[in-house]
Protein backbone atom coordinates (compact mmCIF):
# COMPACT_ATOMS: atom_id res chain seq x y z
CA MET A 1 183.21 20.17 29.67
CA ARG A 2 183.02 16.68 31.15
CA ARG A 3 182.59 18.20 34.59
CA PHE A 4 179.81 20.48 33.26
CA ILE A 5 177.99 17.53 31.70
CA ALA A 6 178.33 15.56 34.92
CA ILE A 7 176.79 18.45 36.88
CA LEU A 8 173.91 18.63 34.42
CA LEU A 9 173.30 14.92 34.77
CA VAL A 10 173.22 15.20 38.56
CA ILE A 11 170.83 18.16 38.42
CA SER A 12 168.64 16.31 35.93
CA ALA A 13 168.54 13.21 38.09
CA VAL A 14 167.67 15.17 41.24
CA THR A 15 165.03 17.23 39.45
CA GLY A 16 163.52 14.12 37.90
CA SER A 17 163.45 12.50 41.32
CA LEU A 18 161.68 15.51 42.80
CA PHE A 19 159.06 15.53 40.04
CA ALA A 20 158.57 11.80 40.40
CA ASN A 21 158.11 12.13 44.16
CA GLY A 22 155.80 15.10 43.70
CA GLY A 23 153.74 13.10 41.22
CA ALA A 24 153.51 10.20 43.64
CA GLU A 25 152.42 12.53 46.42
CA ALA A 26 149.79 14.11 44.17
CA LYS A 27 148.61 10.67 43.15
CA ASP A 28 148.44 9.47 46.76
CA GLU A 29 146.86 12.66 48.09
CA LYS A 30 143.49 11.77 49.62
CA ILE A 31 140.35 13.17 48.02
CA VAL A 32 138.42 15.42 50.42
CA ILE A 33 134.63 15.52 50.29
CA ALA A 34 132.49 17.94 52.34
CA GLY A 35 128.97 16.84 53.26
CA ILE A 36 126.28 19.25 54.42
CA VAL A 37 122.95 18.31 56.04
CA PHE A 38 120.36 20.85 57.16
CA GLN A 39 118.98 19.39 60.37
CA GLU A 40 119.77 16.86 63.08
CA ASP A 41 117.14 14.14 62.88
CA GLN A 42 117.15 10.42 62.30
CA PHE A 43 116.80 10.80 58.53
CA PHE A 44 119.91 12.94 58.20
CA ARG A 45 121.83 10.90 60.76
CA VAL A 46 121.34 7.83 58.57
CA ILE A 47 122.30 9.85 55.48
CA GLN A 48 125.54 10.76 57.27
CA LYS A 49 126.12 7.07 58.02
CA GLY A 50 125.76 6.32 54.32
CA MET A 51 128.21 9.10 53.48
CA LYS A 52 130.72 7.83 56.03
CA ALA A 53 130.40 4.26 54.76
CA ALA A 54 131.07 5.40 51.19
CA ALA A 55 134.04 7.52 52.28
CA GLU A 56 135.52 4.56 54.14
CA ASP A 57 134.94 2.16 51.25
CA LEU A 58 136.42 4.57 48.71
CA GLY A 59 139.34 5.74 50.87
CA VAL A 60 138.45 9.45 50.87
CA GLU A 61 138.34 12.03 53.66
CA LEU A 62 134.86 13.21 54.66
CA LEU A 63 134.08 16.48 56.43
CA MET A 64 130.55 16.88 57.83
CA ALA A 65 128.54 19.97 58.78
CA ASN A 66 124.97 21.03 59.54
CA SER A 67 123.42 24.23 58.18
CA GLN A 68 120.70 24.04 60.87
CA ASN A 69 117.93 25.12 58.48
CA LYS A 70 119.58 28.54 58.04
CA LEU A 71 120.46 29.72 54.55
CA ASP A 72 123.11 32.14 55.82
CA LYS A 73 124.74 29.28 57.73
CA GLU A 74 124.67 27.11 54.60
CA ILE A 75 126.35 29.85 52.56
CA GLU A 76 128.98 30.30 55.28
CA LEU A 77 129.75 26.57 55.25
CA VAL A 78 130.02 26.44 51.46
CA ASN A 79 132.39 29.41 51.51
CA THR A 80 134.46 27.79 54.26
CA TYR A 81 134.85 24.60 52.25
CA LEU A 82 135.63 26.65 49.15
CA ALA A 83 138.44 28.42 51.00
CA ARG A 84 139.74 25.10 52.29
CA GLY A 85 139.86 23.75 48.74
CA VAL A 86 137.86 20.55 49.12
CA ASP A 87 137.53 18.38 46.03
CA GLY A 88 133.81 17.76 46.24
CA LEU A 89 130.71 18.99 48.04
CA VAL A 90 127.56 16.93 48.63
CA ILE A 91 124.66 18.96 49.97
CA SER A 92 120.93 19.01 50.59
CA PRO A 93 120.31 22.66 49.64
CA LEU A 94 117.85 24.72 51.63
CA SER A 95 116.62 26.72 48.64
CA ASP A 96 116.40 25.86 44.96
CA THR A 97 117.28 29.49 44.18
CA GLY A 98 118.86 30.98 47.31
CA SER A 99 121.50 28.24 47.54
CA VAL A 100 122.69 28.66 43.94
CA SER A 101 125.10 31.58 44.23
CA ALA A 102 127.48 30.11 46.84
CA LEU A 103 127.42 26.68 45.21
CA LYS A 104 128.12 28.20 41.78
CA ALA A 105 131.15 29.99 43.24
CA ALA A 106 132.43 26.62 44.48
CA ASP A 107 131.75 25.03 41.11
CA ASP A 108 133.64 27.86 39.38
CA GLU A 109 136.69 26.93 41.47
CA GLY A 110 136.53 23.33 40.27
CA ILE A 111 134.76 21.80 43.27
CA VAL A 112 132.46 18.97 42.20
CA ILE A 113 128.88 19.59 43.42
CA VAL A 114 126.43 16.76 44.09
CA THR A 115 123.00 17.60 45.49
CA TYR A 116 120.74 15.15 47.30
CA ASN A 117 117.29 15.23 48.90
CA SER A 118 116.53 18.74 47.57
CA PRO A 119 117.60 20.30 44.24
CA VAL A 120 118.78 23.67 43.01
CA SER A 121 117.59 25.51 39.91
CA ALA A 122 120.91 25.19 38.11
CA ASP A 123 122.68 22.74 35.82
CA PHE A 124 126.18 22.75 37.35
CA PRO A 125 125.69 19.94 39.94
CA VAL A 126 127.06 16.78 38.36
CA SER A 127 124.33 14.66 39.90
CA TYR A 128 121.17 14.82 42.00
CA ILE A 129 120.39 11.86 44.30
CA ASN A 130 116.90 11.67 45.70
CA SER A 131 113.67 9.85 46.15
CA SER A 132 110.78 10.97 43.98
CA GLN A 133 108.88 13.18 46.39
CA SER A 134 105.70 12.79 44.35
CA GLU A 135 106.05 9.00 44.39
CA LEU A 136 106.50 8.98 48.16
CA GLY A 137 103.15 10.74 48.49
CA SER A 138 101.61 8.55 45.82
CA SER A 139 102.71 5.35 47.57
CA THR A 140 100.98 6.38 50.80
CA GLY A 141 98.02 7.68 48.77
CA LYS A 142 97.49 4.24 47.24
CA ALA A 143 97.38 2.70 50.72
CA ALA A 144 94.87 5.35 51.78
CA ARG A 145 92.76 4.66 48.70
CA GLU A 146 92.53 0.97 49.61
CA TYR A 147 91.44 1.88 53.13
CA ILE A 148 88.83 4.38 51.93
CA GLU A 149 87.40 1.85 49.49
CA SER A 150 87.34 -1.10 51.89
CA GLU A 151 86.44 0.61 55.19
CA LEU A 152 84.74 3.91 54.35
CA GLY A 153 82.68 3.04 51.30
CA GLY A 154 84.74 5.30 49.04
CA LYS A 155 84.00 8.50 50.96
CA ALA A 156 86.24 10.37 53.40
CA LYS A 157 87.04 13.68 55.06
CA VAL A 158 90.76 14.33 54.92
CA ALA A 159 93.22 16.83 56.40
CA THR A 160 96.89 17.30 55.54
CA LEU A 161 99.91 18.39 57.55
CA ALA A 162 102.85 19.65 55.47
CA PHE A 163 106.05 21.72 55.63
CA LYS A 164 105.33 24.23 52.90
CA SER A 165 106.92 27.17 54.70
CA LEU A 166 110.15 25.17 55.17
CA LEU A 167 110.63 23.47 51.78
CA PRO A 168 107.68 24.43 49.58
CA GLU A 169 108.60 22.44 46.47
CA ILE A 170 109.18 19.15 48.27
CA SER A 171 106.18 19.65 50.54
CA ASP A 172 103.85 20.31 47.62
CA MET A 173 105.09 17.27 45.72
CA ARG A 174 104.48 14.99 48.69
CA VAL A 175 101.04 16.38 49.45
CA ASN A 176 99.90 16.49 45.83
CA GLY A 177 101.26 13.00 45.21
CA PHE A 178 99.03 11.75 48.03
CA LEU A 179 95.93 13.72 47.09
CA ASN A 180 96.19 12.81 43.41
CA GLU A 181 95.72 9.14 44.30
CA ILE A 182 92.35 9.81 45.93
CA SER A 183 91.16 12.88 44.02
CA ASP A 184 88.66 10.96 41.91
CA MET A 185 86.93 9.59 45.02
CA ASP A 186 84.27 11.26 47.16
CA ILE A 187 86.87 13.18 49.17
CA THR A 188 86.50 16.40 51.14
CA VAL A 189 89.74 18.10 52.19
CA VAL A 190 88.70 19.88 55.39
CA ALA A 191 92.07 21.41 56.33
CA GLN A 192 95.60 21.86 55.04
CA GLN A 193 98.10 23.05 57.63
CA ASP A 194 101.86 23.30 58.16
CA ALA A 195 103.35 21.29 61.03
CA TRP A 196 106.53 19.27 60.55
CA LEU A 197 107.80 19.03 64.13
CA ALA A 198 106.07 16.47 66.32
CA GLU A 199 105.13 18.86 69.14
CA ASP A 200 103.66 21.37 66.71
CA ALA A 201 101.84 18.65 64.80
CA VAL A 202 100.18 17.32 67.95
CA ALA A 203 98.69 20.77 68.59
CA ARG A 204 97.80 21.51 64.96
CA ALA A 205 96.23 18.10 64.34
CA GLY A 206 94.37 18.40 67.64
CA ASP A 207 92.87 21.71 66.50
CA ILE A 208 91.87 20.14 63.18
CA ILE A 209 90.14 17.26 64.96
CA THR A 210 88.30 19.67 67.28
CA ALA A 211 87.11 21.74 64.33
CA ASN A 212 86.17 18.64 62.31
CA PRO A 213 84.89 15.99 64.73
CA ASP A 214 83.80 13.75 61.84
CA ILE A 215 87.19 13.70 60.12
CA ASP A 216 88.36 10.31 58.83
CA ILE A 217 91.99 10.70 57.77
CA ILE A 218 95.00 12.87 58.55
CA TYR A 219 97.87 12.72 56.08
CA ALA A 220 101.24 14.01 57.26
CA ALA A 221 104.06 14.72 54.81
CA ASN A 222 107.04 13.97 57.06
CA ASP A 223 108.21 12.07 60.14
CA GLY A 224 107.45 14.74 62.76
CA GLY A 225 104.04 15.50 61.30
CA THR A 226 103.15 11.81 61.25
CA VAL A 227 104.23 11.24 64.84
CA GLY A 228 102.34 14.34 65.97
CA ALA A 229 99.18 13.38 64.09
CA VAL A 230 99.17 9.95 65.74
CA GLY A 231 99.60 11.61 69.13
CA ALA A 232 96.70 13.98 68.48
CA VAL A 233 94.38 11.11 67.57
CA ARG A 234 95.39 9.28 70.74
CA ASN A 235 94.80 12.41 72.83
CA ALA A 236 91.34 12.77 71.31
CA GLY A 237 90.51 9.12 72.01
CA LEU A 238 89.44 8.61 68.39
CA GLU A 239 91.57 5.60 67.54
CA ASP A 240 88.60 3.79 66.01
CA GLN A 241 87.54 6.73 63.85
CA VAL A 242 90.54 8.75 62.67
CA LYS A 243 93.40 7.08 60.81
CA VAL A 244 96.79 8.53 59.95
CA PHE A 245 98.78 8.03 56.76
CA GLY A 246 102.28 9.42 56.66
CA ILE A 247 105.65 9.90 55.03
CA ASP A 248 109.07 8.76 56.27
CA ALA A 249 110.24 5.55 57.87
CA SER A 250 111.89 5.06 61.25
CA ASP A 251 111.83 2.59 64.10
CA GLN A 252 109.28 4.78 65.89
CA LEU A 253 106.97 4.93 62.89
CA ALA A 254 107.35 1.20 62.32
CA ASP A 255 106.26 0.60 65.92
CA MET A 256 103.26 2.87 65.35
CA VAL A 257 102.28 0.91 62.24
CA LEU A 258 102.44 -2.31 64.28
CA ALA A 259 100.70 -0.83 67.36
CA ASP A 260 97.40 -2.31 68.52
CA ASP A 261 95.71 1.10 68.52
CA GLY A 262 95.44 0.91 64.74
CA ILE A 263 95.98 4.65 64.16
CA LEU A 264 98.92 4.75 61.77
CA MET A 265 97.91 2.73 58.74
CA ALA A 266 100.87 3.28 56.43
CA SER A 267 103.92 5.46 55.90
CA THR A 268 106.33 5.58 52.95
CA GLY A 269 109.95 6.22 53.76
CA GLN A 270 113.01 7.14 51.81
CA GLN A 271 116.21 5.09 51.96
CA PRO A 272 118.60 7.64 53.48
CA PHE A 273 121.61 5.34 53.83
CA GLN A 274 121.58 4.63 50.11
CA ILE A 275 121.07 8.33 49.28
CA GLY A 276 124.05 9.36 51.42
CA TYR A 277 126.25 6.58 50.09
CA GLN A 278 125.52 7.31 46.44
CA ALA A 279 125.99 11.06 46.89
CA VAL A 280 129.58 10.57 48.05
CA GLU A 281 130.19 7.76 45.57
CA PHE A 282 129.11 9.90 42.62
CA ALA A 283 131.17 12.88 43.81
CA VAL A 284 134.28 10.71 43.95
CA LYS A 285 133.59 9.25 40.52
CA ALA A 286 133.15 12.73 39.02
CA ILE A 287 136.36 13.95 40.66
CA LYS A 288 138.18 11.03 39.05
CA GLY A 289 136.73 11.95 35.68
CA GLU A 290 134.26 9.08 35.51
CA SER A 291 130.76 9.63 34.12
CA VAL A 292 127.81 9.70 36.52
CA GLU A 293 124.07 9.83 36.07
CA SER A 294 122.66 13.35 36.28
CA THR A 295 119.64 12.19 38.30
CA VAL A 296 119.22 9.08 40.44
CA ILE A 297 115.87 8.22 42.00
CA VAL A 298 116.15 5.93 45.01
CA PRO A 299 112.82 4.08 45.42
CA GLY A 300 110.71 4.56 48.54
CA LEU A 301 109.77 1.88 51.06
CA LEU A 302 106.16 1.42 52.23
CA LEU A 303 105.50 0.44 55.85
CA ASP A 304 101.98 -0.98 55.72
CA ARG A 305 99.82 -2.24 58.58
CA ASN A 306 98.64 -4.97 56.18
CA ASP A 307 102.23 -6.26 55.85
CA PRO A 308 103.50 -6.73 59.42
CA ALA A 309 106.27 -9.09 58.31
CA GLY A 310 107.66 -6.42 56.00
CA VAL A 311 107.54 -3.85 58.79
CA GLU A 312 109.35 -6.21 61.17
CA GLN A 313 112.07 -6.75 58.56
CA PHE A 314 112.46 -3.00 58.21
CA LYS A 315 112.91 -2.73 61.99
CA LYS A 316 115.73 -5.27 61.90
CA ASP A 317 117.45 -3.54 59.00
CA TRP A 318 116.98 -0.11 60.62
CA ALA A 319 118.49 -1.29 63.90
CA GLU A 320 121.66 -2.21 62.02
CA LEU A 321 121.83 1.25 60.42
CA ILE A 322 121.45 3.31 63.60
CA LYS A 323 123.47 1.24 66.07
């Protein structure tokens, strides 16, 4: 009997040790977060820097991937991370409806979903981190309003360049946010086109200028459209007549705002580093059982020709982010 009790005590001690070690390993096991962007541009590169900074600060593993603007690729990536058993997924979805099914499958398996930049029509993501797309347009619209009042006597012919066929909801919010700020003025919208890549926007804006030689303003709803619109005005030699107002902020756009040609008057950018950082931060908090805000709006940043000191400060800060 004594021998039997002794054996039981040994088994109990070993088993307890194994459970204790297993618990320690589970406790020390690193959280794995998967991050998905949908294109390779400066905006998403800075978002990835924010994600990486958060992962480093919080001591979690970060996996990164790019859906390359293809919904089937996005679904494939989500399924891959689901099979791998990541703890959290932070994603800028390509479609508010088409992205739901794969993400819901991941959520059903206990993967924490955080969306940023673009939403989905579902309530399972624990948080949505974004700028207000309408407010981005509105910010630039207010700058345009001041210009129209002070330089054009309250009257202007305007064209817009958007990305409706790519991300219709976001595109519409940015364009409508801009137009709503000037809608009560004597405004004629002479053209509304899609062109979000710089090379396409140069051609499309050039065609708009040719068809409307008395146009006053081109508004572009993203970085590529803004750069292309500026190029089209330069090509037409109408620097003194046609002004560009845009969306997004980068070193290139800041230089255009400061340029002597006076074409780009203002552009409102998001703060991608903060968006990326908070997306990972909130995913980690949710995984740990901490409460997070369901929606976080990161304020935009206006680059204004009338505030060169502010633009110069942005350039310094931006250089630190992209080095």
